[in-house]
């Protein structure tokens, strides 16, 4: 395992996104003990970065992590998120009021069975609460010892700058992969300027970049991905044709497409920690072998230029929850990460 710094927080170069163990994806209803085994195996292999949120389940994923990490808490960096569930009766999911943050953190601490959360993210930017007030509340929680670092998720450049001016932001978590390049709009440049680490979620494009999803029939009827534009009938098949570009480079380095996708991300930044998710030990071990994949400069450049897939990475309603160009927020279509 290699380790990187998200600002001044040291984490494994690859983390483990735990959402799919409890939320939205095929397999999330599997026996809890199987997920615990995956988490324990990850720790054995040097993974220290574990990502959750109160939304996942809801609440079930934090409970799962709390059980799995009992007796192992000092070996890991534990992250969670608030702001997409209101505990104080505010209409709609977005609630970053001080009262709700304090309510949320107490619930997360209880479910995670811990005294502190290493990195606590605002899950989505709440336009009804100035970011300065949000960071002020989180700064108080640091002083009180309930959290240790502050993160943002899917925040835009102006929000990031304003937040960092109140208290150093440790990391931004946003979707980024070979097939999703939103951060190239200048956001990644802002992170480098301010010394903020980056945590790419869905680094394998919700399984598409693994090459193992070949049809919609492999997904349970309740799987959230069936509503995703890239998984639509016809679109999925065309995207599998585009995937051949990644598979060709994987063949060159004797690796799997998922390993190449992760190796490419790790080559992009020394303060990046992607968080692929899985419910299987075999997939976990495959992902971690990406640490040994060596890409040449020419291969990295070729991957930079791979054809982008057909379809947006979220529905239009879900994209409205992203903090992009001060767009109007909507409460419909809560997304899964």
Protein backbone atom coordinates (compact mmCIF):
# COMPACT_ATOMS: atom_id res chain seq x y z
CA UNK A 1 0.00 0.00 0.00
CA UNK A 2 1.04 3.57 -0.64
CA UNK A 3 -0.18 6.51 1.40
CA UNK A 4 -1.01 10.08 0.42
CA UNK A 5 -1.90 13.27 2.22
CA UNK A 6 -5.23 15.00 1.84
CA UNK A 7 -3.88 18.31 3.03
CA UNK A 8 -2.54 17.11 6.43
CA UNK A 9 -4.62 13.93 6.70
CA UNK A 10 -2.75 10.76 5.74
CA UNK A 11 -4.81 8.05 4.02
CA UNK A 12 -4.21 5.02 1.83
CA UNK A 13 -3.73 5.84 -1.86
CA UNK A 14 -6.86 3.78 -2.53
CA UNK A 15 -9.77 3.87 -0.13
CA UNK A 16 -12.94 1.84 0.11
CA UNK A 17 -16.29 3.37 -0.72
CA UNK A 18 -18.78 1.50 1.45
CA UNK A 19 -22.08 2.82 0.05
CA UNK A 20 -22.84 -0.22 -2.12
CA UNK A 21 -22.76 -2.49 0.92
CA UNK A 22 -25.99 -0.91 2.18
CA UNK A 23 -27.53 1.25 -0.51
CA UNK A 24 -28.89 1.31 -4.08
CA UNK A 25 -26.72 -1.26 -5.88
CA UNK A 26 -27.24 -4.94 -6.64
CA UNK A 27 -25.98 -6.98 -3.69
CA UNK A 28 -26.56 -4.42 -0.96
CA UNK A 29 -28.94 -6.81 0.80
CA UNK A 30 -26.26 -9.50 1.10
CA UNK A 31 -25.46 -11.02 4.47
CA UNK A 32 -23.87 -8.34 6.63
CA UNK A 33 -21.05 -10.69 7.59
CA UNK A 34 -19.85 -10.74 3.97
CA UNK A 35 -19.45 -6.97 3.97
CA UNK A 36 -17.64 -7.12 7.31
CA UNK A 37 -15.19 -9.61 5.80
CA UNK A 38 -14.50 -7.25 2.91
CA UNK A 39 -13.78 -4.40 5.34
CA UNK A 40 -11.49 -6.58 7.46
CA UNK A 41 -9.63 -7.81 4.38
CA UNK A 42 -9.17 -4.21 3.23
CA UNK A 43 -7.55 -3.34 6.57
CA UNK A 44 -5.27 -6.39 6.28
CA UNK A 45 -4.13 -5.12 2.88
CA UNK A 46 -3.31 -1.66 4.20
CA UNK A 47 -6.46 0.30 3.35
CA UNK A 48 -7.04 3.02 5.93
CA UNK A 49 -9.57 5.24 4.11
CA UNK A 50 -13.24 4.17 4.62
CA UNK A 51 -16.07 6.30 3.26
CA UNK A 52 -19.69 6.36 4.42
CA UNK A 53 -22.62 8.75 4.92
CA UNK A 54 -25.78 8.92 6.99
CA UNK A 55 -27.75 8.76 3.71
CA UNK A 56 -26.46 5.30 2.83
CA UNK A 57 -29.19 2.94 3.88
CA UNK A 58 -30.21 5.42 5.24
CA UNK A 59 -28.11 4.95 8.36
CA UNK A 60 -27.43 1.23 7.77
CA UNK A 61 -23.96 1.75 6.33
CA UNK A 62 -22.70 3.66 9.35
CA UNK A 63 -24.04 0.92 11.63
CA UNK A 64 -22.25 -1.68 9.50
CA UNK A 65 -18.96 0.21 9.67
CA UNK A 66 -19.31 0.70 13.40
CA UNK A 67 -19.61 -3.06 13.87
CA UNK A 68 -16.84 -3.92 11.39
CA UNK A 69 -14.35 -1.46 12.89
CA UNK A 70 -14.87 -2.42 16.52
CA UNK A 71 -11.38 -3.02 17.91
CA UNK A 72 -9.87 -1.62 14.71
CA UNK A 73 -10.87 2.04 14.95
CA UNK A 74 -7.30 3.25 15.52
CA UNK A 75 -6.19 1.64 12.24
CA UNK A 76 -8.48 3.64 9.96
CA UNK A 77 -9.51 7.07 8.75
CA UNK A 78 -13.28 7.18 8.99
CA UNK A 79 -15.34 9.59 6.91
CA UNK A 80 -19.02 10.38 6.78
CA UNK A 81 -21.36 13.03 5.39
CA UNK A 82 -24.33 15.16 6.43
CA UNK A 83 -26.78 17.46 4.71
CA UNK A 84 -29.05 15.26 2.58
CA UNK A 85 -31.32 14.31 5.48
CA UNK A 86 -33.07 16.87 7.67
CA UNK A 87 -33.43 15.90 11.30
CA UNK A 88 -35.13 19.14 12.30
CA UNK A 89 -38.21 19.13 10.09
CA UNK A 90 -36.96 21.29 7.26
CA UNK A 91 -38.75 20.45 3.98
CA UNK A 92 -36.61 18.85 1.29
CA UNK A 93 -33.40 16.89 1.76
CA UNK A 94 -30.88 19.74 1.76
CA UNK A 95 -30.28 20.93 5.31
CA UNK A 96 -26.97 22.36 6.48
CA UNK A 97 -28.42 24.45 9.28
CA UNK A 98 -26.39 24.47 12.47
CA UNK A 99 -29.11 22.58 14.33
CA UNK A 100 -29.24 19.87 11.70
CA UNK A 101 -25.46 19.48 11.52
CA UNK A 102 -25.27 19.00 15.27
CA UNK A 103 -28.13 16.53 15.19
CA UNK A 104 -26.55 14.65 12.29
CA UNK A 105 -23.09 14.35 13.80
CA UNK A 106 -24.44 12.94 17.06
CA UNK A 107 -26.37 10.31 15.14
CA UNK A 108 -23.35 9.38 13.04
CA UNK A 109 -21.06 9.13 16.06
CA UNK A 110 -23.54 6.81 17.74
CA UNK A 111 -24.02 4.56 14.72
CA UNK A 112 -20.29 4.45 13.94
CA UNK A 113 -19.64 3.66 17.60
CA UNK A 114 -16.83 6.18 17.79
CA UNK A 115 -15.92 9.36 19.64
CA UNK A 116 -14.86 11.26 16.53
CA UNK A 117 -15.12 11.28 12.74
CA UNK A 118 -11.82 11.88 10.97
CA UNK A 119 -13.25 13.65 7.92
CA UNK A 120 -16.80 15.03 7.87
CA UNK A 121 -18.23 16.17 4.54
CA UNK A 122 -21.08 18.43 3.62
CA UNK A 123 -22.81 15.96 1.28
CA UNK A 124 -24.28 18.63 -0.99
CA UNK A 125 -24.10 22.41 -0.88
CA UNK A 126 -27.17 23.99 0.72
CA UNK A 127 -27.82 27.33 -0.99
CA UNK A 128 -30.12 28.37 1.86
CA UNK A 129 -27.27 28.41 4.39
CA UNK A 130 -24.15 30.48 3.63
CA UNK A 131 -21.13 28.21 3.40
CA UNK A 132 -19.36 30.45 5.90
CA UNK A 133 -21.97 29.53 8.53
CA UNK A 134 -21.68 25.83 7.68
CA UNK A 135 -17.91 25.85 8.07
CA UNK A 136 -18.25 27.89 11.26
CA UNK A 137 -20.42 25.15 12.79
CA UNK A 138 -18.01 22.44 11.63
CA UNK A 139 -15.09 24.39 13.10
CA UNK A 140 -16.87 24.31 16.45
CA UNK A 141 -17.21 20.53 16.15
CA UNK A 142 -13.44 20.30 15.61
CA UNK A 143 -12.83 22.30 18.77
CA UNK A 144 -15.24 20.00 20.61
CA UNK A 145 -13.33 16.94 19.34
CA UNK A 146 -16.28 15.43 17.45
CA UNK A 147 -14.69 15.74 14.03
CA UNK A 148 -11.09 16.32 12.99
CA UNK A 149 -11.23 17.52 9.38
CA UNK A 150 -13.75 19.22 7.11
CA UNK A 151 -14.65 18.11 3.60
CA UNK A 152 -16.98 19.21 0.82
CA UNK A 153 -18.72 17.07 -1.79
CA UNK A 154 -19.64 18.23 -5.29
CA UNK A 155 -18.94 21.84 -4.36
CA UNK A 156 -18.16 24.47 -6.97
CA UNK A 157 -15.13 26.70 -7.14
CA UNK A 158 -16.63 29.77 -5.45
CA UNK A 159 -17.97 27.67 -2.58
CA UNK A 160 -14.61 25.96 -2.13
CA UNK A 161 -12.77 29.28 -1.93
CA UNK A 162 -15.25 30.80 0.52
CA UNK A 163 -15.23 27.71 2.71
CA UNK A 164 -11.44 27.47 2.78
CA UNK A 165 -11.21 31.11 3.82
CA UNK A 166 -13.07 30.25 7.04
CA UNK A 167 -11.23 27.02 7.88
CA UNK A 168 -8.81 24.86 5.87
CA UNK A 169 -10.75 22.33 3.81
CA UNK A 170 -9.05 18.94 3.83
CA UNK A 171 -10.67 17.31 0.81
CA UNK A 172 -13.22 17.66 -1.94
CA UNK A 173 -15.12 14.53 -2.88
CA UNK A 174 -16.59 14.56 -6.37
CA UNK A 175 -17.22 12.08 -9.13
CA UNK A 176 -14.19 11.74 -11.39
CA UNK A 177 -12.98 8.93 -13.60
CA UNK A 178 -11.83 8.11 -17.11
CA UNK A 179 -15.44 8.64 -18.08
CA UNK A 180 -16.37 11.65 -15.91
CA UNK A 181 -14.23 14.78 -16.08
CA UNK A 182 -16.31 17.48 -14.34
CA UNK A 183 -13.31 18.63 -12.29
CA UNK A 184 -11.49 19.69 -15.45
CA UNK A 185 -13.65 22.83 -15.49
CA UNK A 186 -11.01 24.47 -13.28
CA UNK A 187 -12.07 22.93 -9.98
CA UNK A 188 -9.00 20.68 -9.79
CA UNK A 189 -6.81 23.74 -10.38
CA UNK A 190 -8.46 25.45 -7.40
CA UNK A 191 -7.76 22.42 -5.22
CA UNK A 192 -4.08 22.46 -6.19
CA UNK A 193 -3.86 26.20 -5.53
CA UNK A 194 -5.39 25.88 -2.05
CA UNK A 195 -3.68 22.62 -1.07
CA UNK A 196 -6.94 20.67 -0.82
CA UNK A 197 -6.88 16.92 -1.41
CA UNK A 198 -9.18 15.16 -3.86
CA UNK A 199 -11.30 12.04 -3.31
CA UNK A 200 -12.76 10.79 -6.62
CA UNK A 201 -15.91 8.74 -6.07
CA UNK A 202 -17.34 6.30 -8.62
CA UNK A 203 -13.82 5.94 -10.06
CA UNK A 204 -14.97 2.88 -12.00
CA UNK A 205 -18.07 4.58 -13.43
CA UNK A 206 -20.44 2.53 -11.26
CA UNK A 207 -18.93 -0.69 -12.54
CA UNK A 208 -18.92 0.13 -16.24
CA UNK A 209 -15.14 0.52 -16.34
CA UNK A 210 -14.62 -2.93 -14.84
CA UNK A 211 -15.81 -4.56 -18.04
CA UNK A 212 -17.86 -7.05 -16.03
CA UNK A 213 -21.26 -5.41 -16.56
CA UNK A 214 -22.36 -6.48 -20.02
CA UNK A 215 -26.14 -6.11 -19.79
CA UNK A 216 -28.90 -4.53 -17.73
CA UNK A 217 -30.06 -8.04 -16.87
CA UNK A 218 -27.12 -8.41 -14.47
CA UNK A 219 -28.62 -5.76 -12.20
CA UNK A 220 -31.45 -6.29 -9.73
CA UNK A 221 -34.73 -4.61 -10.63
CA UNK A 222 -34.23 -2.18 -7.73
CA UNK A 223 -30.67 -1.25 -8.73
CA UNK A 224 -30.38 2.55 -8.95
CA UNK A 225 -28.11 2.26 -11.99
CA UNK A 226 -31.03 1.16 -14.15
CA UNK A 227 -32.22 4.80 -13.97
CA UNK A 228 -28.80 6.15 -14.95
CA UNK A 229 -28.53 7.53 -18.51
CA UNK A 230 -25.38 5.51 -19.25
CA UNK A 231 -27.15 2.24 -18.45
CA UNK A 232 -30.18 2.79 -20.68
CA UNK A 233 -31.09 0.15 -23.25
CA UNK A 234 -28.95 0.67 -26.34
CA UNK A 235 -26.77 3.25 -24.61
CA UNK A 236 -25.12 0.61 -22.42
CA UNK A 237 -24.28 -1.49 -25.45
CA UNK A 238 -22.71 1.48 -27.25
CA UNK A 239 -20.69 2.36 -24.14
CA UNK A 240 -19.32 -1.16 -24.02
CA UNK A 241 -17.94 -0.53 -27.51
CA UNK A 242 -16.22 2.65 -26.25
CA UNK A 243 -14.76 0.64 -23.36
CA UNK A 244 -12.62 -1.27 -25.85
CA UNK A 245 -10.18 1.67 -25.88
CA UNK A 246 -9.50 1.14 -22.17
CA UNK A 247 -9.38 -2.63 -22.59
CA UNK A 248 -6.72 -2.27 -25.27
CA UNK A 249 -4.40 -0.40 -22.90
CA UNK A 250 -5.20 -2.91 -20.15
CA UNK A 251 -3.98 -5.65 -22.49
CA UNK A 252 -0.72 -3.72 -23.05
CA UNK A 253 0.12 -3.69 -19.33
CA UNK A 254 -1.37 -7.12 -18.52
CA UNK A 255 -3.99 -5.64 -16.22
CA UNK A 256 -7.76 -5.43 -15.99
CA UNK A 257 -9.70 -2.36 -17.17
CA UNK A 258 -10.55 -1.46 -13.57
CA UNK A 259 -6.89 -1.60 -12.57
CA UNK A 260 -5.96 0.68 -15.46
CA UNK A 261 -8.74 3.12 -14.58
CA UNK A 262 -7.53 3.32 -10.98
CA UNK A 263 -3.85 3.51 -11.92
CA UNK A 264 -4.67 6.43 -14.23
CA UNK A 265 -6.36 8.29 -11.37
CA UNK A 266 -3.45 7.70 -9.00
CA UNK A 267 -1.09 9.03 -11.68
CA UNK A 268 -3.05 12.29 -11.86
CA UNK A 269 -2.40 13.61 -8.37
CA UNK A 270 -0.18 12.90 -5.38
CA UNK A 271 -2.94 14.04 -3.04
CA UNK A 272 -5.74 11.98 -4.58
CA UNK A 273 -7.35 8.95 -2.92
CA UNK A 274 -10.01 7.28 -5.11
CA UNK A 275 -12.65 5.24 -3.28
CA UNK A 276 -13.82 2.33 -5.43
CA UNK A 277 -16.58 0.30 -3.82
CA UNK A 278 -17.21 -3.42 -3.78
CA UNK A 279 -19.02 -6.13 -1.85
CA UNK A 280 -16.59 -8.89 -2.83
CA UNK A 281 -13.11 -9.68 -1.53
CA UNK A 282 -11.99 -10.80 -5.00
CA UNK A 283 -12.91 -7.41 -6.47
CA UNK A 284 -11.23 -5.61 -3.57
CA UNK A 285 -8.00 -7.49 -4.17
CA UNK A 286 -8.21 -6.83 -7.90
CA UNK A 287 -8.67 -3.10 -7.31
CA UNK A 288 -5.73 -2.90 -4.92
CA UNK A 289 -3.46 -4.53 -7.48
CA UNK A 290 -3.84 -1.28 -9.43
CA UNK A 291 -1.11 0.01 -7.11
CA UNK A 292 1.35 -2.18 -9.03
CA UNK A 293 0.25 -1.13 -12.52
CA UNK A 294 2.83 1.05 -14.23
CA UNK A 295 1.51 3.29 -16.97
CA UNK A 296 3.89 5.02 -19.35
CA UNK A 297 3.52 8.72 -20.10
CA UNK A 298 2.20 7.75 -23.51
CA UNK A 299 -0.42 5.46 -21.99
CA UNK A 300 -1.53 8.11 -19.50
CA UNK A 301 -1.85 10.54 -22.41
CA UNK A 302 -3.88 8.02 -24.41
CA UNK A 303 -6.19 7.48 -21.44
CA UNK A 304 -6.56 11.24 -21.06
CA UNK A 305 -8.02 11.22 -24.57
CA UNK A 306 -10.28 8.16 -24.46
CA UNK A 307 -13.67 8.60 -26.08
CA UNK A 308 -16.21 9.69 -23.51
CA UNK A 309 -19.31 7.53 -23.01
CA UNK A 310 -22.78 8.28 -24.22
CA UNK A 311 -25.16 9.70 -21.63
CA UNK A 312 -24.66 11.91 -18.60
CA UNK A 313 -23.33 10.40 -15.39
CA UNK A 314 -26.48 11.49 -13.54
CA UNK A 315 -30.00 12.44 -14.53
CA UNK A 316 -30.75 16.12 -15.05
CA UNK A 317 -32.66 16.29 -11.75
CA UNK A 318 -29.74 14.75 -9.86
CA UNK A 319 -27.25 17.13 -11.46
CA UNK A 320 -29.25 20.02 -10.03
CA UNK A 321 -27.99 18.99 -6.59
CA UNK A 322 -24.44 19.72 -7.71
CA UNK A 323 -22.96 23.14 -6.95
CA UNK A 324 -22.23 24.19 -10.52
CA UNK A 325 -22.26 27.78 -11.75
CA UNK A 326 -24.63 28.81 -8.96
CA UNK A 327 -27.41 26.77 -10.56
CA UNK A 328 -30.79 26.52 -8.87
CA UNK A 329 -31.04 23.50 -6.58
CA UNK A 330 -33.89 21.01 -6.60
CA UNK A 331 -34.90 18.45 -4.01
CA UNK A 332 -35.89 15.77 -6.53
CA UNK A 333 -33.85 12.79 -7.55
CA UNK A 334 -31.41 12.37 -4.66
CA UNK A 335 -28.35 10.58 -5.95
CA UNK A 336 -26.58 7.71 -4.38
CA UNK A 337 -23.08 8.95 -3.60
